[in-house]
């Protein structure tokens, strides 16, 4: 099964603070443009070899560069 590694880095020193496998993004959402939440995004993903062993995760983030959220 193919998967992607997602890494999260600390802004100040670029040290990796988290890493996890992503097989499938099930849901993705971002904040409404022009609102206080426009720099926020979230996604739900799963990974695992079999459905019985799958791990489902939800991640929510706030980005210092609101324009980057759409990428």
Protein backbone atom coordinates (compact mmCIF):
# COMPACT_ATOMS: atom_id res chain seq x y z
CA UNK A 1 0.00 0.00 0.00
CA UNK A 2 1.34 3.46 -0.92
CA UNK A 3 1.57 6.17 1.71
CA UNK A 4 3.05 9.61 2.19
CA UNK A 5 5.03 10.79 5.20
CA UNK A 6 3.74 14.04 6.66
CA UNK A 7 6.27 15.97 8.76
CA UNK A 8 5.53 18.96 10.98
CA UNK A 9 8.28 21.43 11.84
CA UNK A 10 8.68 24.02 14.59
CA UNK A 11 8.60 27.47 13.00
CA UNK A 12 11.39 29.05 15.06
CA UNK A 13 14.12 26.45 14.59
CA UNK A 14 12.76 24.12 11.85
CA UNK A 15 13.14 21.06 14.10
CA UNK A 16 10.79 18.22 13.22
CA UNK A 17 8.19 17.87 15.98
CA UNK A 18 5.95 15.18 14.47
CA UNK A 19 5.92 12.66 11.63
CA UNK A 20 3.17 10.28 10.55
CA UNK A 21 2.07 8.14 7.61
CA UNK A 22 -0.88 9.15 5.44
CA UNK A 23 -2.51 6.58 3.14
CA UNK A 24 -5.63 8.57 2.38
CA UNK A 25 -6.97 12.00 3.24
CA UNK A 26 -10.64 11.43 3.99
CA UNK A 27 -11.70 15.02 4.66
CA UNK A 28 -10.02 18.44 4.30
CA UNK A 29 -11.31 21.83 5.42
CA UNK A 30 -9.91 25.34 5.68
CA UNK A 31 -11.04 28.56 7.31
CA UNK A 32 -13.21 31.05 5.45
CA UNK A 33 -11.27 33.78 3.62
CA UNK A 34 -11.42 37.11 5.41
CA UNK A 35 -12.35 35.52 8.76
CA UNK A 36 -10.26 34.98 11.90
CA UNK A 37 -9.96 31.34 10.82
CA UNK A 38 -8.56 31.93 7.32
CA UNK A 39 -5.10 30.73 8.45
CA UNK A 40 -6.52 27.44 9.77
CA UNK A 41 -6.87 24.07 8.09
CA UNK A 42 -7.68 20.54 9.18
CA UNK A 43 -7.74 17.08 7.70
CA UNK A 44 -8.72 13.55 8.66
CA UNK A 45 -6.58 10.71 7.41
CA UNK A 46 -6.11 6.98 7.77
CA UNK A 47 -3.22 4.57 7.51
CA UNK A 48 -2.80 0.86 8.01
CA UNK A 49 -2.39 -2.34 6.03
CA UNK A 50 -5.95 -3.61 6.60
CA UNK A 51 -9.24 -1.97 7.54
CA UNK A 52 -9.20 -3.88 10.83
CA UNK A 53 -5.80 -2.35 11.66
CA UNK A 54 -6.42 1.16 10.28
CA UNK A 55 -5.65 4.17 12.40
CA UNK A 56 -7.77 7.27 11.84
CA UNK A 57 -6.42 10.68 12.84
CA UNK A 58 -7.69 14.25 12.76
CA UNK A 59 -5.22 17.15 12.58
CA UNK A 60 -5.96 20.88 12.89
CA UNK A 61 -3.41 23.64 12.29
CA UNK A 62 -3.03 27.41 12.24
CA UNK A 63 -0.51 28.69 9.70
CA UNK A 64 1.43 31.95 10.07
CA UNK A 65 1.08 32.48 6.32
CA UNK A 66 -2.66 32.45 5.48
CA UNK A 67 -1.91 32.26 1.73
CA UNK A 68 -0.13 28.94 2.27
CA UNK A 69 -3.32 27.26 3.53
CA UNK A 70 -4.73 26.93 0.01
CA UNK A 71 -1.58 25.08 -1.13
